[in-house]
Protein backbone atom coordinates (compact mmCIF):
# COMPACT_ATOMS: atom_id res chain seq x y z
CA UNK A 1 3.55 14.80 -58.64
CA UNK A 2 1.54 15.81 -55.62
CA UNK A 3 2.50 16.19 -52.32
CA UNK A 4 2.38 13.03 -50.21
CA UNK A 5 1.43 14.56 -46.87
CA UNK A 6 -0.83 14.00 -44.11
CA UNK A 7 -4.49 13.83 -44.27
CA UNK A 8 -6.76 15.97 -42.25
CA UNK A 9 -10.16 15.04 -40.43
CA UNK A 10 -12.25 17.37 -41.93
CA UNK A 11 -15.61 16.14 -41.24
CA UNK A 12 -14.81 15.57 -37.62
CA UNK A 13 -13.68 19.28 -37.46
CA UNK A 14 -17.35 20.21 -39.19
CA UNK A 15 -19.05 17.96 -36.78
CA UNK A 16 -17.16 19.68 -33.87
CA UNK A 17 -18.21 23.27 -35.13
CA UNK A 18 -21.76 21.89 -35.10
CA UNK A 19 -21.49 20.75 -31.83
CA UNK A 20 -19.95 23.71 -30.13
CA UNK A 21 -23.32 25.66 -31.61
CA UNK A 22 -25.83 23.00 -30.05
CA UNK A 23 -23.86 23.58 -26.65
CA UNK A 24 -24.24 27.19 -26.92
CA UNK A 25 -28.10 26.49 -25.98
CA UNK A 26 -28.22 22.82 -24.98
CA UNK A 27 -25.24 22.51 -22.51
CA UNK A 28 -26.10 18.99 -21.49
CA UNK A 29 -25.29 17.47 -24.87
CA UNK A 30 -22.35 15.84 -24.66
CA UNK A 31 -21.81 13.91 -27.78
CA UNK A 32 -22.94 14.14 -31.35
CA UNK A 33 -21.87 11.06 -33.43
CA UNK A 34 -22.73 9.77 -37.08
CA UNK A 35 -22.28 5.53 -37.55
CA UNK A 36 -22.79 4.45 -41.25
CA UNK A 37 -24.44 1.61 -42.66
CA UNK A 38 -22.91 -1.10 -45.28
CA UNK A 39 -25.92 -2.73 -46.78
CA UNK A 40 -23.80 -5.57 -48.40
CA UNK A 41 -22.77 -6.74 -45.51
CA UNK A 42 -25.28 -5.51 -42.69
CA UNK A 43 -22.72 -3.64 -40.84
CA UNK A 44 -22.96 -0.68 -38.56
CA UNK A 45 -19.67 1.16 -38.21
CA UNK A 46 -18.82 4.18 -36.23
CA UNK A 47 -17.53 6.77 -38.74
CA UNK A 48 -17.19 10.43 -36.98
CA UNK A 49 -18.05 12.03 -33.50
CA UNK A 50 -17.78 14.85 -31.38
CA UNK A 51 -17.43 13.91 -27.61
CA UNK A 52 -16.67 15.54 -24.57
CA UNK A 53 -13.52 13.91 -22.87
CA UNK A 54 -12.81 11.12 -25.36
CA UNK A 55 -15.24 8.92 -27.12
CA UNK A 56 -16.80 5.94 -25.79
CA UNK A 57 -16.91 3.96 -28.87
CA UNK A 58 -14.68 3.97 -32.14
CA UNK A 59 -13.66 1.42 -34.22
CA UNK A 60 -16.68 -0.54 -33.44
CA UNK A 61 -18.87 -2.26 -35.91
CA UNK A 62 -22.03 -4.67 -35.43
CA UNK A 63 -24.92 -6.27 -37.53
CA UNK A 64 -27.65 -4.13 -37.85
CA UNK A 65 -29.94 -7.29 -37.46
CA UNK A 66 -28.58 -7.56 -34.02
CA UNK A 67 -29.59 -4.55 -32.79
CA UNK A 68 -33.37 -4.53 -32.51
CA UNK A 69 -34.13 -0.91 -31.61
CA UNK A 70 -32.00 0.83 -34.13
CA UNK A 71 -32.98 -2.07 -36.42
CA UNK A 72 -36.69 -0.61 -36.10
CA UNK A 73 -35.32 3.39 -36.24
CA UNK A 74 -33.93 2.00 -40.20
CA UNK A 75 -37.08 0.31 -40.91
CA UNK A 76 -39.57 2.60 -40.07
CA UNK A 77 -37.13 5.93 -40.90
CA UNK A 78 -38.68 7.65 -37.77
CA UNK A 79 -36.14 8.91 -35.09
CA UNK A 80 -35.95 7.44 -31.47
CA UNK A 81 -36.00 9.22 -28.44
CA UNK A 82 -34.81 7.24 -25.10
CA UNK A 83 -35.12 9.73 -22.09
CA UNK A 84 -33.73 7.02 -19.91
CA UNK A 85 -30.78 4.88 -21.07
CA UNK A 86 -30.85 2.62 -17.83
CA UNK A 87 -33.59 0.56 -19.78
CA UNK A 88 -30.96 -0.76 -21.86
CA UNK A 89 -28.91 -1.89 -18.89
CA UNK A 90 -30.15 -5.43 -18.95
CA UNK A 91 -28.47 -6.00 -22.59
CA UNK A 92 -25.16 -7.23 -22.91
CA UNK A 93 -24.00 -5.22 -26.06
CA UNK A 94 -20.80 -3.46 -26.01
CA UNK A 95 -21.87 -0.51 -27.46
CA UNK A 96 -24.41 -0.02 -24.83
CA UNK A 97 -22.36 -1.22 -22.08
CA UNK A 98 -19.79 1.65 -23.09
CA UNK A 99 -22.17 4.49 -23.71
CA UNK A 100 -23.98 3.70 -20.11
CA UNK A 101 -20.47 3.53 -18.40
CA UNK A 102 -19.97 7.11 -20.03
CA UNK A 103 -22.85 8.67 -18.01
CA UNK A 104 -25.05 9.29 -21.17
CA UNK A 105 -28.69 8.82 -19.55
CA UNK A 106 -30.62 10.03 -22.59
CA UNK A 107 -30.21 9.80 -26.50
CA UNK A 108 -32.04 11.05 -29.46
CA UNK A 109 -31.17 9.36 -32.92
CA UNK A 110 -32.25 10.07 -36.26
CA UNK A 111 -31.80 7.97 -39.40
CA UNK A 112 -29.70 9.42 -42.01
CA UNK A 113 -32.06 8.94 -45.49
CA UNK A 114 -30.80 9.83 -49.06
CA UNK A 115 -33.47 9.00 -52.00
CA UNK A 116 -35.12 6.73 -49.90
CA UNK A 117 -32.25 4.49 -48.71
CA UNK A 118 -30.99 4.01 -45.35
CA UNK A 119 -27.22 5.25 -44.83
CA UNK A 120 -26.80 5.57 -40.84
CA UNK A 121 -27.70 7.16 -38.38
CA UNK A 122 -26.92 10.65 -36.13
CA UNK A 123 -26.91 10.25 -32.56
CA UNK A 124 -27.30 12.93 -29.74
CA UNK A 125 -26.24 12.23 -25.97
CA UNK A 126 -27.16 13.78 -22.97
CA UNK A 127 -26.00 13.45 -19.51
CA UNK A 128 -29.25 13.61 -17.66
CA UNK A 129 -32.58 11.87 -17.85
CA UNK A 130 -35.34 13.05 -19.81
CA UNK A 131 -33.65 15.97 -21.71
CA UNK A 132 -34.83 15.68 -25.00
CA UNK A 133 -38.33 17.18 -24.66
CA UNK A 134 -40.52 17.85 -27.88
CA UNK A 135 -38.72 21.18 -28.05
CA UNK A 136 -35.46 20.08 -28.02
CA UNK A 137 -36.04 16.99 -30.50
CA UNK A 138 -37.66 19.81 -32.64
CA UNK A 139 -35.02 22.23 -32.54
CA UNK A 140 -32.03 19.45 -32.97
CA UNK A 141 -33.95 18.30 -36.49
CA UNK A 142 -31.81 20.93 -38.51
CA UNK A 143 -28.74 19.89 -37.08
CA UNK A 144 -29.58 16.50 -37.25
CA UNK A 145 -30.64 16.85 -41.12
CA UNK A 146 -27.19 18.99 -41.58
CA UNK A 147 -24.95 16.30 -40.50
CA UNK A 148 -26.61 13.80 -42.41
CA UNK A 149 -26.17 15.91 -45.55
CA UNK A 150 -22.47 16.45 -44.88
CA UNK A 151 -21.72 12.61 -44.90
CA UNK A 152 -23.94 12.08 -47.86
CA UNK A 153 -22.53 14.84 -49.82
CA UNK A 154 -19.34 13.69 -49.24
CA UNK A 155 -19.98 9.77 -50.38
CA UNK A 156 -22.10 11.03 -53.35
CA UNK A 157 -18.60 12.72 -54.53
CA UNK A 158 -16.90 9.44 -54.20
CA UNK A 159 -19.81 7.38 -55.83
CA UNK A 160 -19.37 9.93 -58.57
CA UNK A 161 -15.82 9.24 -58.99
CA UNK A 162 -15.97 5.88 -59.42
CA UNK A 163 -19.13 6.02 -61.53
CA UNK A 164 -17.09 8.19 -63.79
CA UNK A 165 -13.96 5.55 -63.39
CA UNK A 166 -16.78 3.10 -64.56
CA UNK A 167 -18.02 4.88 -67.44
CA UNK A 168 -14.58 5.59 -68.60
CA UNK A 169 -13.64 1.72 -68.74
CA UNK A 170 -16.69 1.11 -70.58
CA UNK A 171 -16.46 3.79 -73.32
CA UNK A 172 -12.83 2.89 -73.75
CA UNK A 173 -13.58 -0.53 -74.01
CA UNK A 174 -11.36 -1.30 -70.71
CA UNK A 175 -10.67 -4.67 -69.44
CA UNK A 176 -8.47 -6.13 -67.08
CA UNK A 177 -8.37 -8.72 -64.42
CA UNK A 178 -9.48 -6.77 -61.65
CA UNK A 179 -13.17 -7.72 -61.19
CA UNK A 180 -15.74 -5.77 -58.95
CA UNK A 181 -15.57 -8.78 -56.98
CA UNK A 182 -11.67 -8.40 -56.57
CA UNK A 183 -12.07 -4.78 -55.59
CA UNK A 184 -14.98 -5.31 -53.22
CA UNK A 185 -12.85 -7.89 -51.33
CA UNK A 186 -9.76 -5.82 -51.26
CA UNK A 187 -11.31 -2.58 -49.99
CA UNK A 188 -12.99 -4.62 -47.33
CA UNK A 189 -9.45 -6.51 -46.35
CA UNK A 190 -8.07 -2.84 -46.63
CA UNK A 191 -10.53 -1.80 -44.20
CA UNK A 192 -9.42 -5.17 -41.80
CA UNK A 193 -5.97 -4.28 -41.70
CA UNK A 194 -6.68 -0.43 -40.91
CA UNK A 195 -8.62 -0.93 -38.13
CA UNK A 196 -6.28 -3.76 -36.47
CA UNK A 197 -4.00 -1.12 -36.76
CA UNK A 198 -5.87 1.85 -35.66
CA UNK A 199 -4.94 2.06 -32.05
CA UNK A 200 -1.01 1.67 -32.55
CA UNK A 201 -1.15 4.31 -35.40
CA UNK A 202 -3.93 6.61 -33.91
CA UNK A 203 -6.23 6.04 -36.78
CA UNK A 204 -9.62 7.57 -36.70
CA UNK A 205 -12.72 5.84 -37.84
CA UNK A 206 -13.18 8.48 -40.73
CA UNK A 207 -9.52 7.42 -41.86
CA UNK A 208 -10.74 4.10 -42.31
CA UNK A 209 -13.88 4.44 -43.93
CA UNK A 210 -12.39 7.02 -46.56
CA UNK A 211 -9.53 4.19 -47.00
CA UNK A 212 -12.22 1.62 -47.37
CA UNK A 213 -14.02 3.68 -50.33
CA UNK A 214 -10.81 4.96 -52.24
CA UNK A 215 -8.81 2.05 -52.39
CA UNK A 216 -10.89 0.27 -55.19
CA UNK A 217 -9.48 3.30 -57.31
CA UNK A 218 -5.87 2.46 -56.59
CA UNK A 219 -5.26 1.37 -60.35
CA UNK A 220 -7.67 3.72 -62.03
CA UNK A 221 -4.32 4.46 -64.42
CA UNK A 222 -4.74 1.43 -66.04
CA UNK A 223 -7.57 3.12 -68.39
CA UNK A 224 -4.72 4.86 -70.24
CA UNK A 225 -2.82 1.33 -70.81
CA UNK A 226 -3.12 -0.15 -74.15
CA UNK A 227 -5.03 -3.54 -74.59
CA UNK A 228 -2.30 -5.42 -76.07
CA UNK A 229 -0.04 -4.95 -72.93
CA UNK A 230 -2.94 -4.89 -70.30
CA UNK A 231 -4.34 -8.17 -71.33
CA UNK A 232 -1.02 -9.79 -72.24
CA UNK A 233 -0.89 -13.13 -70.90
CA UNK A 234 3.08 -14.05 -71.39
CA UNK A 235 5.94 -11.84 -69.69
CA UNK A 236 6.27 -8.39 -70.46
CA UNK A 237 9.52 -7.17 -72.69
CA UNK A 238 11.55 -4.18 -70.93
CA UNK A 239 9.52 -1.80 -72.88
CA UNK A 240 6.18 -3.04 -71.97
CA UNK A 241 6.81 -3.14 -68.29
CA UNK A 242 7.66 0.38 -68.86
CA UNK A 243 4.57 1.25 -70.01
CA UNK A 244 2.67 -0.82 -67.46
CA UNK A 245 4.45 1.07 -64.73
CA UNK A 246 3.15 4.35 -66.02
CA UNK A 247 -0.18 3.41 -65.15
CA UNK A 248 0.49 4.70 -61.57
CA UNK A 249 1.08 8.48 -62.68
CA UNK A 250 -1.42 8.16 -65.16
CA UNK A 251 -3.76 7.22 -62.59
CA UNK A 252 -2.73 10.47 -60.56
CA UNK A 253 -3.57 12.58 -63.74
CA UNK A 254 -6.80 10.99 -63.78
CA UNK A 255 -7.75 11.75 -60.60
CA UNK A 256 -6.57 15.33 -60.60
CA UNK A 257 -8.96 15.79 -63.70
CA UNK A 258 -11.63 14.49 -62.35
CA UNK A 259 -10.94 16.16 -58.93
CA UNK A 260 -10.97 19.32 -60.90
CA UNK A 261 -14.03 18.65 -63.54
CA UNK A 262 -16.25 17.74 -60.94
CA UNK A 263 -15.06 20.68 -58.54
CA UNK A 264 -14.06 18.28 -55.57
CA UNK A 265 -11.14 19.90 -54.54
CA UNK A 266 -12.31 20.62 -51.01
CA UNK A 267 -13.53 17.25 -50.52
CA UNK A 268 -12.25 15.13 -47.38
CA UNK A 269 -9.31 13.07 -47.47
CA UNK A 270 -8.60 13.83 -50.95
CA UNK A 271 -5.13 13.47 -50.85
CA UNK A 272 -5.19 10.02 -49.41
CA UNK A 273 -6.87 9.27 -52.80
CA UNK A 274 -3.83 10.68 -54.53
CA UNK A 275 -1.44 8.68 -52.11
CA UNK A 276 -3.09 5.51 -52.79
CA UNK A 277 -3.17 5.86 -56.15
CA UNK A 278 0.38 7.15 -56.47
CA UNK A 279 2.26 4.96 -53.80
CA UNK A 280 0.58 1.45 -53.86
CA UNK A 281 3.56 0.08 -55.99
CA UNK A 282 6.24 1.38 -53.76
CA UNK A 283 8.58 -1.12 -51.63
CA UNK A 284 9.61 -0.82 -47.92
CA UNK A 285 13.07 -1.30 -49.08
CA UNK A 286 12.97 1.51 -52.29
CA UNK A 287 12.83 -1.05 -54.86
CA UNK A 288 9.08 -0.24 -56.02
CA UNK A 289 8.20 2.90 -58.28
CA UNK A 290 7.27 5.38 -59.45
CA UNK A 291 9.47 7.46 -56.61
CA UNK A 292 11.53 4.73 -54.73
CA UNK A 293 10.22 5.75 -51.47
CA UNK A 294 11.44 3.82 -48.48
CA UNK A 295 9.49 2.75 -45.25
CA UNK A 296 7.53 5.29 -43.63
CA UNK A 297 8.10 7.81 -46.70
CA UNK A 298 5.47 5.69 -48.21
CA UNK A 299 1.93 6.78 -47.10
CA UNK A 300 0.46 4.05 -44.53
CA UNK A 301 -2.73 4.08 -46.61
CA UNK A 302 -0.46 2.84 -49.69
CA UNK A 303 1.43 0.36 -47.76
CA UNK A 304 -2.10 -1.28 -46.34
CA UNK A 305 -3.55 -1.35 -49.87
CA UNK A 306 -0.59 -2.71 -51.22
CA UNK A 307 -1.09 -6.06 -49.05
CA UNK A 308 -4.77 -6.18 -49.17
CA UNK A 309 -4.35 -5.87 -53.33
CA UNK A 310 -1.69 -8.31 -53.64
CA UNK A 311 -3.19 -10.89 -51.45
CA UNK A 312 -6.40 -10.96 -52.73
CA UNK A 313 -4.88 -11.17 -56.35
CA UNK A 314 -3.00 -14.17 -55.53
CA UNK A 315 -5.78 -15.82 -53.92
CA UNK A 316 -8.11 -14.92 -57.11
CA UNK A 317 -8.53 -16.62 -60.57
CA UNK A 318 -6.95 -15.08 -63.47
CA UNK A 319 -7.00 -15.97 -66.77
CA UNK A 320 -3.74 -16.90 -66.59
CA UNK A 321 -3.10 -18.52 -63.17
CA UNK A 322 -5.51 -20.72 -60.73
CA UNK A 323 -6.13 -19.18 -57.40
CA UNK A 324 -3.69 -19.61 -54.80
CA UNK A 325 -4.29 -20.90 -51.53
CA UNK A 326 -4.60 -18.58 -48.32
CA UNK A 327 -1.55 -20.41 -47.07
CA UNK A 328 0.45 -20.11 -50.28
CA UNK A 329 -0.50 -16.34 -50.48
CA UNK A 330 0.43 -15.69 -46.89
CA UNK A 331 3.63 -17.20 -47.54
CA UNK A 332 4.46 -15.57 -50.28
CA UNK A 333 3.83 -12.35 -48.42
CA UNK A 334 5.78 -13.44 -45.64
CA UNK A 335 8.68 -13.86 -47.81
CA UNK A 336 8.59 -10.29 -49.20
CA UNK A 337 8.26 -8.91 -45.76
CA UNK A 338 9.77 -6.21 -44.92
CA UNK A 339 11.62 -6.25 -48.23
CA UNK A 340 8.35 -5.09 -50.32
CA UNK A 341 5.65 -5.14 -47.56
CA UNK A 342 5.12 -3.10 -44.56
CA UNK A 343 5.53 -5.92 -41.63
CA UNK A 344 2.95 -3.84 -39.30
CA UNK A 345 0.41 -4.31 -42.40
CA UNK A 346 1.11 -7.72 -43.04
CA UNK A 347 1.11 -8.77 -39.26
CA UNK A 348 -2.26 -7.13 -38.74
CA UNK A 349 -3.77 -9.38 -41.74
CA UNK A 350 -2.40 -12.71 -40.20
CA UNK A 351 -4.01 -11.83 -37.16
CA UNK A 352 -7.56 -11.11 -38.54
CA UNK A 353 -7.45 -14.16 -41.06
CA UNK A 354 -10.51 -15.35 -39.94
CA UNK A 355 -12.39 -11.77 -41.08
CA UNK A 356 -10.64 -12.09 -44.15
CA UNK A 357 -11.58 -15.50 -45.12
CA UNK A 358 -15.23 -14.42 -43.45
CA UNK A 359 -14.78 -11.41 -46.66
CA UNK A 360 -13.60 -14.45 -49.06
CA UNK A 361 -16.92 -16.32 -48.56
CA UNK A 362 -19.48 -13.28 -48.99
CA UNK A 363 -18.02 -12.19 -51.90
CA UNK A 364 -16.85 -15.24 -53.63
CA UNK A 365 -16.50 -15.03 -57.50
CA UNK A 366 -19.12 -18.17 -57.86
CA UNK A 367 -22.02 -16.44 -55.90
CA UNK A 368 -21.94 -14.03 -58.29
CA UNK A 369 -21.18 -15.26 -61.30
């Protein structure tokens, strides 16, 4: 089984190296950052950055529709240069206030485009007015494109994994109760929990974004479970339960094969994916499987996904049960805490109940059925 260890912010490291090179000839550029766009929710969210003296903006998101100037960049696909950012001072948005408070006086924004689709922005900020002359902007273009390409390359790799899993399910006629809408909801709920815990656990935006993208692959190993067991509506026999539990280790084997087959060994956060697949059925008291890990031995990403997955499964319709109410699901999870679930993850979920219910409304089964 793979080692369960720490996950490194490799994209942040890459952008930091790019920043060092840029500053060698443009010393007043104090910040390079990336925000990603999620089309399903129209949300723009902070992702990676290299910033002198601490980033002014982390764990932040906003509706793109509410930021008119950036929406125009996303729509026209044309870069935007602001050589006097104090013109934005009249606005009351949080991101504008924080950027100005940090002393940034000019900015250059480049949309990240791929195959005609908008994916986010690369931002350059400088500490003096009128810094982004035509010559500076021209010379920065190659760096903006390179940063955008780094991000696109990594998320294309994740999409390749997801597509491979989908194809394997179709070829094997694999079916289970995990609808696409469940996976969308639980990945969003995982992100909500992680954001709520970001400050106390020093979680980067990069960590949270990869958690969001990897969490739907948690039960990939169910592809290898026979339909007679996977789709059984009654109780499992001891033998059937033992076979069902193997989906965890089979999942890790499948991930390893996919990573090797698609040459993704160097993909950032790949250990996070393995941790989620391997450890999302572990329990805080050590009664889980497959390794019987306890407490902090269980990677945080797996603890987060476990809470999000069970909560959404309980509140979803299944062939063998009706959907529980949110109150019933919260009560069940509370009853199983701290024996099964991480108390911090559960508390984070409870504190963000309003946001969870927004996700439930947006991605309700009936909307898409």
